[in-house]
Amino acid sequence: MGEVIGPLRPADKTEVWAHVNTIFSVHNNPINRVIREISREAAQAGISSWVAASNRRECDFGVAGQIPVDYCRYLEREYMLPRELWIDAALARLGVSRRYMARRVRPAAEALAASGFGFTAAFVHDGYYGMYVAGAVASAIPRVPTFVYVHNSLSRSYTRREKIAVLEQVAAVICVSEYMREEVASSLRLPRFEDKLKAVLNGVDTDTFYPAAERPEGPIRIAFAGRMIPEKGPLLLAKALLAIRDLPFEAGFVGSSGLVPGEALSAYEREVRKSLSSISEKVVFRGLVKSEDMPDEYRRYDILVAPSVMEDPCSLVILEAMASGLAVVCSGRGGMREEGGDAVLYASEPKGLAEVLSELIRNDSLRQELGRRARKRAETLTWRRTFNQLSELVRATS
C-alpha cells in the first residue's frame, strides 16, 4: 500500500473524514482543490482528513494526510483498455459484476480499510466512474457513511441494477450544483432515490482571493482562465476580441490543454493562438499557472470571461474571479447562474461577448460596480458554507 503520508491521528480530533480522489488526478486538478479546501475547513472544526490517492502522482492536499494507493496491484496499469471497457459493459448488461473495473477500484477501498483510522465519513470524488469506487468503499468500510461526490456527468454505461446497488449502499449523492443534481436525477431515472441527491455548491476562499488594492494604469485587462480546450470556449473569446480590436485592452489566456506543466501545445491551442496573430501585441498566453499562484494572477485583471460551451457543473474560476473583485462575463451554462446570480453578466456567442466587453471597457463605473457586486456575492459562497452543508449531511446520516 505504501507509507501513509501526514500526521498520525491527532489525539484532539475525534472525527476523521476520508476522501478518494480520481485515479489520474494531478496537483492542479480542480477536484484536488475542492478536497484541499474542504479539508482546511474541516481542520478548523476539529476534523482530520485523509486522502486515498495514487502513489504514482504527486499531489498536495494541504492539511490532509495522504494514503497512497497502488492502483496497479490487480490490473497492472491504472487505465483500462477499450477491450476491457467493452467486456465490462457487456458483463454489466448480463447482470454480472464488471471484472476489470472491480480490479481497478479495489485498491482504494482496501487502502482505506487497512489504514486503521476510525473514519466517520468517506467522500468519493468524481462522478463518471465514481459510483463504482463508492460501491467498493461502502463495502470495505460498511459502518462508515459513504458519499458519492459528483463533479461531472455520470457514465452512461451504468445499468439500472448497478445504480440501485450503489444507491442502496451510499448515504447520499452530493452534486456540486442544483444543475448537476437535476442532471444526475435525469441520468439515474430512479425517483425513489431522489431524496439521496443533494446539491452542495462549491465555494471560494475569500481571504486568499481578494481584490487588488489599486488598479495599475493602462488598458483594461481581460482574462480567460481554465483549460484551453474547445469545451471551455477560448476560441469564442478570441473571436470577440477580434471584433473589438480597436478598443484599449490587453488580454491574457491563463491555462493549457492539460494540467501538467511543460506539456506541448495541442492543435486547438495552436488554433487559438493563430486566430489572434493579427492582434498579438494585445494578447499574452500565460500557460499553466499553479493553483497556489492563481490569487495573484486574478489581481492582474479587470474582467474575467468564462465562455464555456459545455454545461459547466460549477466553475471554480468564476467563484475565484468574483472573490477577486473582477467583473465577470460568462455563458451561463450549467451551474454558472447559480454561482453568479445577478452579480455577473451573461453572453454565450462572440457577438454578444464583444458587445458586453465593449461596454465594460468604455464604462468604468459599470465595470467597477460589477466587481463590487461580484465580491459581495462571493462572500456568501465560501468554503465554510460548503463545509457546513457537508457536516449537516454527515450528521444526518451517521
Protein backbone atom coordinates (compact mmCIF):
# COMPACT_ATOMS: atom_id res chain seq x y z
CA MET A 1 0.00 0.00 0.00
CA GLY A 2 2.91 2.37 0.62
CA GLU A 3 3.72 4.65 3.53
CA VAL A 4 0.95 6.84 4.90
CA ILE A 5 1.93 10.48 4.45
CA GLY A 6 0.87 13.00 7.06
CA PRO A 7 0.38 13.41 10.80
CA LEU A 8 -0.72 10.28 12.60
CA ARG A 9 -4.15 10.50 14.21
CA PRO A 10 -4.14 13.71 16.27
CA ALA A 11 -5.39 12.94 19.76
CA ASP A 12 -7.52 16.08 19.93
CA LYS A 13 -9.56 15.25 16.84
CA THR A 14 -12.40 12.79 17.19
CA GLU A 15 -13.83 12.95 13.67
CA VAL A 16 -11.92 11.65 10.67
CA TRP A 17 -13.05 12.20 7.09
CA ALA A 18 -11.76 10.18 4.14
CA HIS A 19 -11.60 11.41 0.56
CA VAL A 20 -10.91 9.36 -2.56
CA ASN A 21 -9.79 11.50 -5.48
CA THR A 22 -9.83 10.48 -9.14
CA ILE A 23 -7.23 7.92 -10.17
CA PHE A 24 -5.44 10.17 -12.69
CA SER A 25 -5.68 13.32 -10.59
CA VAL A 26 -2.70 15.70 -10.58
CA HIS A 27 -1.93 18.66 -8.33
CA ASN A 28 -3.69 21.28 -10.48
CA ASN A 29 -6.87 19.24 -10.89
CA PRO A 30 -9.85 21.32 -9.65
CA ILE A 31 -11.18 18.31 -7.71
CA ASN A 32 -7.98 18.31 -5.65
CA ARG A 33 -8.57 21.98 -4.89
CA VAL A 34 -12.03 21.11 -3.61
CA ILE A 35 -10.57 18.39 -1.37
CA ARG A 36 -7.89 20.77 -0.04
CA GLU A 37 -10.41 23.46 0.81
CA ILE A 38 -12.90 21.11 2.47
CA SER A 39 -10.06 19.56 4.50
CA ARG A 40 -8.86 23.01 5.59
CA GLU A 41 -12.32 23.96 6.81
CA ALA A 42 -12.71 20.55 8.48
CA ALA A 43 -9.43 21.03 10.35
CA GLN A 44 -10.69 24.32 11.77
CA ALA A 45 -13.71 22.39 13.07
CA GLY A 46 -11.51 19.73 14.71
CA ILE A 47 -11.90 17.10 11.97
CA SER A 48 -8.85 15.42 10.46
CA SER A 49 -8.86 14.42 6.79
CA TRP A 50 -7.09 11.74 4.77
CA VAL A 51 -6.99 11.32 1.02
CA ALA A 52 -6.63 7.97 -0.74
CA ALA A 53 -4.66 8.90 -3.85
CA SER A 54 -2.48 7.20 -6.46
CA ASN A 55 1.09 6.54 -5.34
CA ARG A 56 2.25 7.39 -8.89
CA ARG A 57 1.32 11.07 -8.79
CA GLU A 58 2.45 13.97 -6.67
CA CYS A 59 -0.46 15.90 -5.19
CA ASP A 60 -0.52 18.42 -2.38
CA PHE A 61 -3.62 18.04 -0.21
CA GLY A 62 -2.77 20.83 2.21
CA VAL A 63 -3.62 19.90 5.80
CA ALA A 64 -4.95 16.48 4.78
CA GLY A 65 -2.80 13.40 5.09
CA GLN A 66 -2.36 11.04 2.15
CA ILE A 67 -2.97 7.32 2.00
CA PRO A 68 -1.05 6.09 -1.09
CA VAL A 69 -2.96 3.68 -3.31
CA ASP A 70 -1.35 1.22 -5.70
CA TYR A 71 -3.95 1.13 -8.46
CA CYS A 72 -1.77 -1.31 -10.42
CA ARG A 73 -1.99 -4.06 -7.83
CA TYR A 74 -4.67 -6.06 -9.64
CA LEU A 75 -4.77 -4.56 -13.14
CA GLU A 76 -1.07 -3.91 -13.93
CA ARG A 77 -1.92 -0.40 -15.10
CA GLU A 78 -4.08 2.46 -13.82
CA TYR A 79 -6.08 2.81 -17.02
CA MET A 80 -8.37 0.34 -18.74
CA LEU A 81 -8.05 -0.77 -22.35
CA PRO A 82 -11.00 -0.26 -24.74
CA ARG A 83 -11.39 -4.03 -24.92
CA GLU A 84 -11.69 -4.23 -21.13
CA LEU A 85 -14.28 -1.46 -21.05
CA TRP A 86 -16.30 -3.28 -23.70
CA ILE A 87 -16.13 -6.60 -21.82
CA ASP A 88 -17.17 -4.89 -18.58
CA ALA A 89 -20.13 -3.17 -20.25
CA ALA A 90 -21.26 -6.50 -21.69
CA LEU A 91 -20.95 -8.21 -18.30
CA ALA A 92 -22.98 -5.42 -16.67
CA ARG A 93 -25.79 -5.84 -19.19
CA LEU A 94 -25.84 -9.55 -18.30
CA GLY A 95 -26.14 -8.69 -14.62
CA VAL A 96 -22.58 -9.78 -13.82
CA SER A 97 -20.05 -7.69 -11.89
CA ARG A 98 -17.58 -5.76 -14.01
CA ARG A 99 -14.38 -7.77 -13.94
CA TYR A 100 -11.82 -5.11 -14.82
CA MET A 101 -13.43 -2.16 -13.07
CA ALA A 102 -13.53 -4.19 -9.86
CA ARG A 103 -9.77 -4.72 -10.14
CA ARG A 104 -9.24 -1.05 -10.88
CA VAL A 105 -11.13 0.34 -7.87
CA ARG A 106 -10.40 -2.36 -5.30
CA PRO A 107 -7.02 -0.96 -4.13
CA ALA A 108 -8.57 2.33 -2.92
CA ALA A 109 -11.19 0.52 -0.87
CA GLU A 110 -8.58 -1.80 0.61
CA ALA A 111 -6.27 1.11 1.45
CA LEU A 112 -8.98 2.85 3.46
CA ALA A 113 -9.96 -0.36 5.26
CA ALA A 114 -6.33 -1.18 6.09
CA SER A 115 -5.43 2.33 7.29
CA GLY A 116 -6.76 1.67 10.79
CA PHE A 117 -8.28 5.15 11.01
CA GLY A 118 -11.73 5.42 12.53
CA PHE A 119 -13.34 7.21 9.64
CA THR A 120 -16.63 8.96 10.37
CA ALA A 121 -17.38 9.78 6.71
CA ALA A 122 -15.97 8.89 3.29
CA PHE A 123 -16.32 11.05 0.17
CA VAL A 124 -15.63 9.52 -3.24
CA HIS A 125 -14.93 12.35 -5.71
CA ASP A 126 -15.68 12.09 -9.40
CA GLY A 127 -18.97 11.24 -10.96
CA TYR A 128 -18.15 9.48 -14.19
CA TYR A 129 -16.77 6.31 -12.59
CA GLY A 130 -17.15 7.48 -9.00
CA MET A 131 -20.13 5.27 -8.31
CA TYR A 132 -18.05 2.15 -8.92
CA VAL A 133 -15.48 3.36 -6.41
CA ALA A 134 -18.16 4.37 -3.90
CA GLY A 135 -19.70 0.91 -4.01
CA ALA A 136 -16.33 -0.70 -3.30
CA VAL A 137 -15.58 1.76 -0.48
CA ALA A 138 -19.01 1.29 1.11
CA SER A 139 -18.46 -2.47 1.10
CA ALA A 140 -14.94 -2.18 2.55
CA ILE A 141 -15.92 0.15 5.44
CA PRO A 142 -19.63 -0.70 5.80
CA ARG A 143 -20.27 1.20 9.05
CA VAL A 144 -18.92 4.48 7.63
CA PRO A 145 -21.35 6.79 5.77
CA THR A 146 -20.07 6.90 2.18
CA PHE A 147 -20.93 9.71 -0.21
CA VAL A 148 -20.54 9.95 -3.97
CA TYR A 149 -19.30 13.50 -4.68
CA VAL A 150 -20.36 14.25 -8.27
CA HIS A 151 -18.24 16.88 -10.04
CA ASN A 152 -19.17 15.83 -13.59
CA SER A 153 -21.61 13.67 -15.52
CA LEU A 154 -22.20 10.04 -14.62
CA SER A 155 -21.10 7.31 -17.01
CA ARG A 156 -23.87 6.35 -19.40
CA SER A 157 -22.84 2.72 -19.13
CA TYR A 158 -24.31 2.26 -15.67
CA THR A 159 -27.11 -0.29 -15.74
CA ARG A 160 -30.25 0.07 -13.66
CA ARG A 161 -29.11 -2.81 -11.47
CA GLU A 162 -25.74 -1.17 -10.81
CA LYS A 163 -27.32 2.19 -9.99
CA ILE A 164 -29.67 0.63 -7.47
CA ALA A 165 -26.91 -1.43 -5.86
CA VAL A 166 -24.74 1.64 -5.23
CA LEU A 167 -27.59 3.95 -4.20
CA GLU A 168 -28.71 1.45 -1.60
CA GLN A 169 -25.19 1.45 -0.12
CA VAL A 170 -24.27 5.13 -0.09
CA ALA A 171 -25.54 7.73 2.36
CA ALA A 172 -26.07 10.39 -0.30
CA VAL A 173 -25.00 11.63 -3.71
CA ILE A 174 -23.51 15.11 -3.40
CA CYS A 175 -23.76 17.26 -6.53
CA VAL A 176 -21.75 20.47 -6.94
CA SER A 177 -24.79 22.50 -8.07
CA GLU A 178 -28.53 22.23 -8.39
CA TYR A 179 -28.00 21.91 -12.14
CA MET A 180 -25.79 18.87 -11.51
CA ARG A 181 -28.35 17.41 -9.12
CA GLU A 182 -31.06 17.66 -11.77
CA GLU A 183 -28.78 16.10 -14.39
CA VAL A 184 -27.91 13.20 -12.07
CA ALA A 185 -31.60 12.67 -11.30
CA SER A 186 -32.33 12.57 -15.04
CA SER A 187 -29.46 10.14 -15.63
CA LEU A 188 -30.43 7.80 -12.80
CA ARG A 189 -34.20 7.83 -13.51
CA LEU A 190 -34.87 6.28 -10.12
CA PRO A 191 -37.39 8.57 -8.35
CA ARG A 192 -37.32 6.58 -5.11
CA PHE A 193 -33.69 7.60 -4.57
CA GLU A 194 -34.06 11.31 -5.38
CA ASP A 195 -34.07 12.19 -1.68
CA LYS A 196 -30.46 10.99 -1.62
CA LEU A 197 -29.41 13.56 -4.22
CA LYS A 198 -28.11 16.70 -2.53
CA ALA A 199 -26.86 19.93 -4.12
CA VAL A 200 -23.85 21.48 -2.35
CA LEU A 201 -22.36 24.38 -4.30
CA ASN A 202 -18.58 24.72 -4.47
CA GLY A 203 -17.10 27.59 -2.52
CA VAL A 204 -14.23 30.08 -2.54
CA ASP A 205 -11.64 31.23 -0.01
CA THR A 206 -12.32 34.96 0.24
CA ASP A 207 -9.24 35.51 2.41
CA THR A 208 -6.94 34.19 -0.32
CA PHE A 209 -8.86 35.56 -3.30
CA TYR A 210 -9.44 39.27 -2.79
CA PRO A 211 -9.42 42.42 -4.96
CA ALA A 212 -6.23 44.27 -5.84
CA ALA A 213 -5.53 47.25 -3.58
CA GLU A 214 -5.42 49.55 -6.59
CA ARG A 215 -5.66 49.24 -10.32
CA PRO A 216 -2.46 49.96 -12.28
CA GLU A 217 -2.57 52.47 -15.12
CA GLY A 218 -3.07 51.22 -18.65
CA PRO A 219 -5.59 49.44 -20.86
CA ILE A 220 -8.41 47.33 -19.43
CA ARG A 221 -7.15 43.80 -18.82
CA ILE A 222 -9.32 40.86 -19.85
CA ALA A 223 -8.63 37.30 -18.72
CA PHE A 224 -9.57 33.80 -19.78
CA ALA A 225 -8.64 31.23 -17.11
CA GLY A 226 -9.03 27.49 -17.40
CA ARG A 227 -8.33 24.55 -19.67
CA MET A 228 -7.51 25.54 -23.23
CA ILE A 229 -9.95 23.09 -24.75
CA PRO A 230 -12.95 23.61 -27.07
CA GLU A 231 -15.47 22.95 -24.29
CA LYS A 232 -14.23 25.97 -22.31
CA GLY A 233 -14.68 28.30 -25.29
CA PRO A 234 -11.40 30.26 -25.56
CA LEU A 235 -11.84 30.45 -29.34
CA LEU A 236 -15.19 32.23 -28.80
CA LEU A 237 -13.42 34.84 -26.69
CA ALA A 238 -10.73 35.16 -29.38
CA LYS A 239 -13.39 35.98 -31.96
CA ALA A 240 -14.94 38.56 -29.63
CA LEU A 241 -11.56 40.19 -29.06
CA LEU A 242 -11.00 40.48 -32.79
CA ALA A 243 -14.34 42.27 -33.08
CA ILE A 244 -13.25 44.95 -30.56
CA ARG A 245 -9.64 45.13 -31.65
CA ASP A 246 -9.69 48.95 -31.89
CA LEU A 247 -10.57 49.39 -28.20
CA PRO A 248 -7.88 49.83 -25.50
CA PHE A 249 -7.48 46.41 -23.87
CA GLU A 250 -4.97 43.70 -23.13
CA ALA A 251 -5.96 40.03 -22.89
CA GLY A 252 -4.38 37.15 -21.06
CA PHE A 253 -5.13 33.47 -21.64
CA VAL A 254 -4.26 31.60 -18.45
CA GLY A 255 -4.15 27.82 -18.75
CA SER A 256 -3.22 24.99 -21.06
CA SER A 257 -4.90 21.99 -22.62
CA GLY A 258 -3.69 19.73 -19.80
CA LEU A 259 -2.97 20.07 -16.11
CA VAL A 260 0.73 19.13 -16.14
CA PRO A 261 3.42 21.84 -16.59
CA GLY A 262 5.57 21.68 -19.70
CA GLU A 263 3.18 19.83 -21.99
CA ALA A 264 3.39 20.64 -25.70
CA LEU A 265 0.71 22.85 -27.21
CA SER A 266 -2.31 21.00 -28.50
CA ALA A 267 -3.66 21.55 -32.01
CA TYR A 268 -6.54 23.52 -30.51
CA GLU A 269 -4.19 25.80 -28.54
CA ARG A 270 -2.26 26.50 -31.71
CA GLU A 271 -5.53 27.33 -33.46
CA VAL A 272 -6.48 29.85 -30.75
CA ARG A 273 -3.06 31.49 -30.92
CA LYS A 274 -3.13 31.66 -34.71
CA SER A 275 -6.59 33.23 -34.68
CA LEU A 276 -5.22 36.13 -32.59
CA SER A 277 -1.99 36.64 -34.51
CA SER A 278 -3.26 39.88 -36.07
CA ILE A 279 -3.58 41.46 -32.60
CA SER A 280 -0.67 39.63 -30.98
CA GLU A 281 0.54 42.88 -29.39
CA LYS A 282 -2.63 42.92 -27.27
CA VAL A 283 -2.61 39.25 -26.20
CA VAL A 284 -0.39 37.14 -23.96
CA PHE A 285 -0.64 33.40 -23.40
CA ARG A 286 0.34 32.71 -19.80
CA GLY A 287 0.19 28.94 -20.00
CA LEU A 288 -0.49 26.78 -16.97
CA VAL A 289 -0.30 28.67 -13.68
CA LYS A 290 -0.10 26.69 -10.44
CA SER A 291 -3.28 26.82 -8.39
CA GLU A 292 -1.44 28.43 -5.46
CA ASP A 293 -0.31 31.29 -7.75
CA MET A 294 -3.78 32.00 -9.14
CA PRO A 295 -4.85 34.55 -6.47
CA ASP A 296 -2.11 36.95 -7.63
CA GLU A 297 -2.88 36.10 -11.25
CA TYR A 298 -6.52 37.21 -10.96
CA ARG A 299 -5.44 40.51 -9.45
CA ARG A 300 -3.66 41.34 -12.72
CA TYR A 301 -7.01 41.73 -14.50
CA ASP A 302 -10.19 43.81 -14.58
CA ILE A 303 -12.53 41.37 -16.38
CA LEU A 304 -12.82 37.58 -16.39
CA VAL A 305 -14.54 35.85 -19.29
CA ALA A 306 -15.74 32.23 -18.94
CA PRO A 307 -17.29 31.45 -22.37
CA SER A 308 -17.88 27.71 -21.80
CA VAL A 309 -19.84 25.88 -24.47
CA MET A 310 -20.24 22.90 -22.13
CA GLU A 311 -22.73 22.70 -19.28
CA ASP A 312 -20.18 23.58 -16.62
CA PRO A 313 -21.37 21.98 -13.34
CA CYS A 314 -19.80 24.57 -11.01
CA SER A 315 -16.86 26.66 -12.13
CA LEU A 316 -14.21 27.39 -9.51
CA VAL A 317 -12.78 30.01 -11.85
CA ILE A 318 -15.97 32.08 -11.70
CA LEU A 319 -16.09 31.94 -7.90
CA GLU A 320 -12.40 32.89 -7.61
CA ALA A 321 -12.71 35.76 -10.08
CA MET A 322 -15.78 37.07 -8.24
CA ALA A 323 -13.94 36.96 -4.92
CA SER A 324 -11.06 38.81 -6.59
CA GLY A 325 -13.39 41.67 -7.46
CA LEU A 326 -13.33 41.20 -11.23
CA ALA A 327 -16.23 42.00 -13.50
CA VAL A 328 -17.28 38.54 -14.68
CA VAL A 329 -18.82 37.62 -18.01
CA CYS A 330 -19.84 34.00 -18.60
CA SER A 331 -22.02 31.89 -20.85
CA GLY A 332 -24.43 30.98 -18.06
CA ARG A 333 -24.34 27.26 -18.87
CA GLY A 334 -24.75 24.51 -16.32
CA GLY A 335 -24.42 25.78 -12.76
CA MET A 336 -22.92 29.17 -13.69
CA ARG A 337 -26.11 31.14 -13.00
CA GLU A 338 -26.31 29.60 -9.53
CA GLU A 339 -22.84 30.94 -8.86
CA GLY A 340 -23.13 34.33 -10.48
CA GLY A 341 -26.74 35.29 -9.86
CA ASP A 342 -27.22 38.95 -10.77
CA ALA A 343 -23.60 39.80 -9.94
CA VAL A 344 -22.23 38.74 -13.35
CA LEU A 345 -23.14 39.34 -16.99
CA TYR A 346 -24.10 36.56 -19.38
CA ALA A 347 -23.21 36.17 -23.06
CA SER A 348 -22.66 32.96 -25.00
CA GLU A 349 -21.78 33.97 -28.57
CA PRO A 350 -18.86 36.02 -29.97
CA LYS A 351 -21.13 38.91 -30.99
CA GLY A 352 -22.74 39.10 -27.56
CA LEU A 353 -19.38 38.80 -25.82
CA ALA A 354 -17.97 41.59 -27.97
CA GLU A 355 -20.89 43.87 -27.09
CA VAL A 356 -20.59 43.23 -23.36
CA LEU A 357 -16.81 43.64 -23.36
CA SER A 358 -17.07 46.84 -25.38
CA GLU A 359 -19.44 48.30 -22.78
CA LEU A 360 -17.26 47.22 -19.85
CA ILE A 361 -14.13 48.68 -21.44
CA ARG A 362 -15.84 52.02 -22.06
CA ASN A 363 -17.86 52.23 -18.84
CA ASP A 364 -15.58 52.37 -15.80
CA SER A 365 -18.40 52.81 -13.30
CA LEU A 366 -20.32 49.77 -14.59
CA ARG A 367 -17.18 47.62 -14.55
CA GLN A 368 -16.29 48.68 -11.03
CA GLU A 369 -19.85 48.19 -9.78
CA LEU A 370 -19.91 44.65 -11.20
CA GLY A 371 -16.62 43.95 -9.43
CA ARG A 372 -18.09 45.10 -6.11
CA ARG A 373 -21.25 43.06 -6.63
CA ALA A 374 -19.21 40.01 -7.55
CA ARG A 375 -17.09 40.30 -4.41
CA LYS A 376 -20.17 40.75 -2.22
CA ARG A 377 -21.79 37.64 -3.69
CA ALA A 378 -18.59 35.62 -3.33
CA GLU A 379 -18.58 36.44 0.38
CA THR A 380 -21.83 34.44 0.69
CA LEU A 381 -20.39 31.42 -1.19
CA THR A 382 -17.42 30.48 0.96
CA TRP A 383 -15.91 27.06 1.60
CA ARG A 384 -17.14 27.43 5.19
CA ARG A 385 -20.67 27.38 3.80
CA THR A 386 -19.86 24.28 1.73
CA PHE A 387 -18.29 22.54 4.73
CA ASN A 388 -21.25 23.33 6.97
CA GLN A 389 -23.62 21.74 4.47
CA LEU A 390 -21.43 18.64 4.26
CA SER A 391 -21.28 18.44 8.06
CA GLU A 392 -25.06 18.54 8.26
CA LEU A 393 -25.28 15.67 5.76
CA VAL A 394 -22.76 13.61 7.72
CA ARG A 395 -24.63 14.19 10.98
CA ALA A 396 -27.95 13.34 9.37
CA THR A 397 -26.68 10.00 8.04
CA SER A 398 -24.45 8.89 10.94
